Amino acid sequence: MIRLVLAEDQGMVRGALAALLGLEPDLQVVAEAGDGDAAWQAVQAHQPDLLVTDIEMPGLTGLDLALKLQAAQLPTRVVILTTFARAGYLRRALEAGVRGYLLKDAPSAQLARALREVHAGGRAIDPQLAVAAWGEDDPLTERERQVLRLAGEGVKTADIADRLHLSQGTVRNYLSEAIGKLGAENRIEAYRSARAKGWL
């Protein structure tokens, strides 16, 4: 039996997925979570074979969860199930050790096959995304990404500096670098551009 923790912030989607996966004779959903923090607690409590998670959720994101699992050297493998067909997300997911990346509009039989493939030690990546993922490099450093994400969410420069333990001048430098790399006019345009490509 392949034991799963299912993390999805939309209750109706989560319930439908749990019901569909429960129809498979070799798949068992041992816990459901509506946000990333609850998902992390469920993984620690149940030690599932697989974590099936959305990318964008309250608290920890799917990518954050993958990185935490990687850092903790837990055996649970991560499968991302998302509506975001963004090559940048896939690249970051693979770097975080994610073994599966599928879109929510895939048929349930395809999802079940993918989960079995990942459980057996393989990978299951949406083929169209796999091709697109290597078409354009993410120019941002991790620090530029952090600063730009906060700026795009409306956090003031002084508050970004406090949160990241940087000087305000350093924050402005990171923002300037990110804006320049993305060919944007300002921080908001840079944020939108990077987000659209899955780099944030």
Protein backbone atom coordinates (compact mmCIF):
# COMPACT_ATOMS: atom_id res chain seq x y z
CA MET A 1 0.00 0.00 0.00
CA ILE A 2 1.35 3.45 -0.98
CA ARG A 3 0.63 5.89 1.86
CA LEU A 4 -0.03 9.53 0.96
CA VAL A 5 -0.37 12.88 2.68
CA LEU A 6 -2.46 15.25 0.55
CA ALA A 7 -1.85 19.02 0.88
CA GLU A 8 -4.25 21.36 -0.92
CA ASP A 9 -5.71 24.63 0.38
CA GLN A 10 -8.98 24.43 -1.56
CA GLY A 11 -11.26 22.15 0.44
CA MET A 12 -13.42 21.00 -2.47
CA VAL A 13 -10.40 20.12 -4.63
CA ARG A 14 -8.73 18.35 -1.70
CA GLY A 15 -11.87 16.31 -0.99
CA ALA A 16 -12.28 15.34 -4.64
CA LEU A 17 -8.63 14.29 -4.92
CA ALA A 18 -8.82 12.23 -1.74
CA ALA A 19 -11.96 10.49 -3.00
CA LEU A 20 -10.43 9.73 -6.42
CA LEU A 21 -7.17 8.44 -4.98
CA GLY A 22 -9.10 6.38 -2.43
CA LEU A 23 -10.65 4.42 -5.30
CA GLU A 24 -7.24 3.03 -6.24
CA PRO A 25 -6.58 -0.34 -4.54
CA ASP A 26 -2.94 0.40 -3.73
CA LEU A 27 -3.19 4.07 -2.66
CA GLN A 28 -4.17 5.25 0.82
CA VAL A 29 -4.56 8.90 1.89
CA VAL A 30 -3.45 8.81 5.53
CA ALA A 31 -3.84 12.56 6.16
CA GLU A 32 -5.10 15.73 4.48
CA ALA A 33 -3.83 19.26 5.07
CA GLY A 34 -5.23 22.65 4.08
CA ASP A 35 -1.95 24.57 4.38
CA GLY A 36 1.78 24.00 4.27
CA ASP A 37 2.36 24.08 8.01
CA ALA A 38 -0.31 21.43 8.64
CA ALA A 39 1.18 19.38 5.80
CA TRP A 40 4.62 19.45 7.46
CA GLN A 41 3.11 18.30 10.75
CA ALA A 42 1.21 15.51 8.96
CA VAL A 43 4.35 14.30 7.18
CA GLN A 44 6.25 14.18 10.47
CA ALA A 45 3.39 12.38 12.23
CA HIS A 46 2.58 9.81 9.52
CA GLN A 47 5.91 9.36 7.66
CA PRO A 48 4.06 8.73 4.37
CA ASP A 49 5.64 7.32 1.22
CA LEU A 50 4.53 10.36 -0.79
CA LEU A 51 3.49 13.95 -0.17
CA VAL A 52 1.11 15.16 -2.89
CA THR A 53 1.05 18.94 -2.61
CA ASP A 54 0.00 22.11 -4.38
CA ILE A 55 2.69 24.77 -4.87
CA GLU A 56 0.96 27.88 -3.56
CA MET A 57 -0.64 27.45 -0.15
CA PRO A 58 -0.87 29.49 3.05
CA GLY A 59 2.17 29.07 5.28
CA LEU A 60 4.78 26.81 3.72
CA THR A 61 4.56 26.42 -0.07
CA GLY A 62 4.95 23.09 -1.82
CA LEU A 63 8.53 24.07 -2.69
CA ASP A 64 9.22 25.00 0.95
CA LEU A 65 7.95 21.57 2.01
CA ALA A 66 10.18 19.83 -0.53
CA LEU A 67 13.21 21.74 0.75
CA LYS A 68 12.37 20.91 4.39
CA LEU A 69 12.04 17.21 3.54
CA GLN A 70 15.35 17.35 1.68
CA ALA A 71 17.09 19.10 4.59
CA ALA A 72 15.64 16.68 7.14
CA GLN A 73 16.62 13.71 4.93
CA LEU A 74 13.16 12.19 5.33
CA PRO A 75 12.30 9.38 2.89
CA THR A 76 8.94 10.88 1.84
CA ARG A 77 8.97 11.73 -1.87
CA VAL A 78 7.23 14.86 -3.13
CA VAL A 79 4.79 15.12 -6.02
CA ILE A 80 3.60 18.61 -6.97
CA LEU A 81 0.04 18.81 -8.30
CA THR A 82 -0.75 22.33 -9.46
CA THR A 83 -2.59 24.59 -11.89
CA PHE A 84 0.64 26.54 -12.55
CA ALA A 85 2.14 25.43 -15.85
CA ARG A 86 5.24 27.58 -15.32
CA ALA A 87 8.63 26.31 -16.35
CA GLY A 88 10.34 28.32 -13.60
CA TYR A 89 8.34 26.51 -10.93
CA LEU A 90 9.30 23.14 -12.39
CA ARG A 91 12.99 23.99 -12.43
CA ARG A 92 12.91 25.14 -8.82
CA ALA A 93 10.88 22.05 -7.87
CA LEU A 94 13.45 19.71 -9.42
CA GLU A 95 16.26 21.56 -7.63
CA ALA A 96 14.32 21.02 -4.38
CA GLY A 97 14.25 17.26 -4.97
CA VAL A 98 10.64 16.99 -6.18
CA ARG A 99 10.09 13.67 -8.01
CA GLY A 100 6.76 14.42 -9.67
CA TYR A 101 5.21 17.54 -11.20
CA LEU A 102 1.75 17.27 -12.70
CA LEU A 103 -1.06 19.63 -13.63
CA LYS A 104 -4.45 19.40 -11.95
CA ASP A 105 -6.25 18.99 -15.26
CA ALA A 106 -4.52 15.62 -15.84
CA PRO A 107 -6.85 12.58 -15.74
CA SER A 108 -6.99 10.81 -12.36
CA ALA A 109 -5.68 7.57 -13.91
CA GLN A 110 -2.57 9.48 -15.04
CA LEU A 111 -2.08 10.84 -11.52
CA ALA A 112 -2.36 7.35 -10.02
CA ARG A 113 0.21 6.00 -12.52
CA ALA A 114 2.53 8.91 -11.73
CA LEU A 115 2.31 8.25 -7.99
CA ARG A 116 3.19 4.60 -8.54
CA GLU A 117 6.11 5.61 -10.74
CA VAL A 118 7.50 8.02 -8.12
CA HIS A 119 6.99 5.46 -5.34
CA ALA A 120 8.99 2.95 -7.40
CA GLY A 121 11.91 5.40 -7.55
CA GLY A 122 11.19 7.08 -10.88
CA ARG A 123 10.11 10.56 -11.89
CA ALA A 124 6.80 11.77 -13.27
CA ILE A 125 6.97 15.16 -14.97
CA ASP A 126 4.36 16.71 -17.26
CA PRO A 127 6.09 16.29 -20.66
CA GLN A 128 5.17 19.71 -22.08
CA LEU A 129 6.52 21.43 -18.98
CA ALA A 130 9.67 19.35 -19.07
CA VAL A 131 10.50 20.72 -22.52
CA ALA A 132 9.65 24.30 -21.58
CA ALA A 133 11.63 24.18 -18.33
CA TRP A 134 14.96 24.35 -20.07
CA GLY A 135 14.07 27.13 -22.48
CA GLU A 136 14.79 30.15 -20.28
CA ASP A 137 17.17 30.51 -17.37
CA ASP A 138 16.10 32.14 -14.12
CA PRO A 139 18.43 35.16 -13.77
CA LEU A 140 17.62 35.92 -10.12
CA THR A 141 19.73 34.96 -7.15
CA GLU A 142 17.94 33.53 -4.10
CA ARG A 143 18.40 36.81 -2.19
CA GLU A 144 17.07 38.89 -5.11
CA ARG A 145 14.08 36.55 -5.23
CA GLN A 146 13.37 36.99 -1.50
CA VAL A 147 13.62 40.80 -1.68
CA LEU A 148 11.54 41.07 -4.85
CA ARG A 149 8.83 38.77 -3.47
CA LEU A 150 8.43 40.92 -0.36
CA ALA A 151 8.53 44.17 -2.34
CA GLY A 152 5.86 42.87 -4.72
CA GLU A 153 3.68 42.00 -1.74
CA GLY A 154 3.80 45.66 -0.69
CA VAL A 155 6.37 45.38 2.12
CA LYS A 156 8.33 48.64 2.57
CA THR A 157 12.10 48.72 2.07
CA ALA A 158 12.78 49.31 5.79
CA ASP A 159 10.60 46.35 6.76
CA ILE A 160 12.26 44.10 4.15
CA ALA A 161 15.63 45.09 5.62
CA ASP A 162 14.43 44.19 9.12
CA ARG A 163 12.98 40.84 8.07
CA LEU A 164 16.04 39.74 6.11
CA HIS A 165 18.61 41.33 8.46
CA LEU A 166 20.00 43.56 5.71
CA SER A 167 20.66 47.28 5.45
CA GLN A 168 18.14 49.36 3.50
CA GLY A 169 20.85 50.21 0.98
CA THR A 170 21.52 46.51 0.38
CA VAL A 171 17.78 45.88 -0.13
CA ARG A 172 17.65 48.72 -2.69
CA ASN A 173 20.68 47.23 -4.45
CA TYR A 174 19.05 43.80 -4.68
CA LEU A 175 15.84 45.35 -6.02
CA SER A 176 17.79 47.38 -8.56
CA GLU A 177 19.64 44.27 -9.73
CA ALA A 178 16.41 42.28 -10.07
CA ILE A 179 14.65 45.10 -11.94
CA GLY A 180 17.60 45.41 -14.32
CA LYS A 181 17.87 41.67 -14.97
CA LEU A 182 14.16 41.45 -15.77
CA GLY A 183 14.17 44.54 -18.00
CA ALA A 184 11.40 46.07 -15.89
CA GLU A 185 10.56 49.72 -15.17
CA ASN A 186 9.99 49.28 -11.44
CA ARG A 187 9.73 46.74 -8.62
CA ILE A 188 6.05 45.96 -9.23
CA GLU A 189 6.59 45.26 -12.93
CA ALA A 190 9.64 43.12 -12.04
CA TYR A 191 7.59 41.20 -9.45
CA ARG A 192 4.78 40.52 -11.94
CA SER A 193 7.22 39.43 -14.64
CA ALA A 194 9.13 37.06 -12.35
CA ARG A 195 5.92 35.66 -10.90
CA ALA A 196 4.44 35.00 -14.34
CA LYS A 197 7.52 32.93 -15.20
CA GLY A 198 7.43 30.98 -11.94
CA TRP A 199 10.66 32.47 -10.62
CA LEU A 200 9.10 33.67 -7.34
